[in-house]
């Protein structure tokens, strides 16, 4: 996964009834957009995130 600040990461719930989780990428700490990422989750929690295979990247809209 290669992300940039402003992108969103979506992690689907693993079981029926589990909520999806969404975070905004605040900073990229790896080379060329690779993890780890500084993120802010939709509940306001901030942390370092290493995405797993269940994570989906939602690119930020281009400002063109």
Protein backbone atom coordinates (compact mmCIF):
# COMPACT_ATOMS: atom_id res chain seq x y z
CA UNK A 1 0.00 0.00 0.00
CA UNK A 2 1.23 3.48 -0.88
CA UNK A 3 -0.56 6.39 0.74
CA UNK A 4 -0.18 10.12 1.08
CA UNK A 5 -1.49 12.59 3.63
CA UNK A 6 -5.20 13.15 3.15
CA UNK A 7 -5.93 9.61 1.94
CA UNK A 8 -8.40 7.51 3.91
CA UNK A 9 -7.95 3.95 5.09
CA UNK A 10 -11.02 1.77 5.51
CA UNK A 11 -10.94 -1.41 7.58
CA UNK A 12 -14.10 -3.49 7.30
CA UNK A 13 -15.51 -5.27 10.35
CA UNK A 14 -14.39 -8.89 10.50
CA UNK A 15 -17.64 -10.34 11.82
CA UNK A 16 -21.32 -9.69 11.19
CA UNK A 17 -22.27 -6.64 13.22
CA UNK A 18 -18.71 -5.36 13.64
CA UNK A 19 -18.45 -1.72 12.55
CA UNK A 20 -16.11 -0.57 9.81
CA UNK A 21 -13.22 1.67 10.92
CA UNK A 22 -11.97 4.66 8.95
CA UNK A 23 -8.84 6.74 9.41
CA UNK A 24 -7.27 9.70 7.67
CA UNK A 25 -3.57 9.51 6.87
CA UNK A 26 -1.86 12.46 8.56
CA UNK A 27 1.75 11.58 7.73
CA UNK A 28 3.69 8.87 5.91
CA UNK A 29 6.77 7.60 7.72
CA UNK A 30 7.96 4.95 5.26
CA UNK A 31 9.77 5.53 1.97
CA UNK A 32 7.72 6.24 -1.17
CA UNK A 33 4.36 6.27 0.60
CA UNK A 34 4.80 2.96 2.41
CA UNK A 35 3.86 2.28 6.05
CA UNK A 36 3.95 3.09 8.83
CA UNK A 37 1.37 5.87 8.75
CA UNK A 38 0.37 8.44 11.33
CA UNK A 39 -3.43 8.33 11.24
CA UNK A 40 -6.44 9.82 12.93
CA UNK A 41 -9.37 7.44 13.35
CA UNK A 42 -12.94 8.67 12.93
CA UNK A 43 -13.36 8.56 16.73
CA UNK A 44 -10.54 11.13 17.09
CA UNK A 45 -7.86 8.67 18.28
CA UNK A 46 -4.44 9.23 16.70
CA UNK A 47 -1.73 6.63 16.32
CA UNK A 48 0.76 4.79 14.16
CA UNK A 49 -0.80 2.27 11.79
CA UNK A 50 0.66 -0.61 9.80
CA UNK A 51 -2.16 -1.72 7.45
CA UNK A 52 -2.99 -5.39 7.12
CA UNK A 53 -4.51 -7.24 4.19
CA UNK A 54 -7.98 -6.15 5.37
CA UNK A 55 -7.22 -2.43 4.83
CA UNK A 56 -8.48 -0.56 1.77
CA UNK A 57 -6.94 2.72 0.61
CA UNK A 58 -9.29 5.48 -0.50
CA UNK A 59 -7.24 8.14 -2.30
CA UNK A 60 -7.89 11.78 -1.51
CA UNK A 61 -9.38 13.74 -4.40
CA UNK A 62 -6.77 15.52 -6.53
CA UNK A 63 -6.73 19.29 -6.13
CA UNK A 64 -6.54 20.07 -9.84
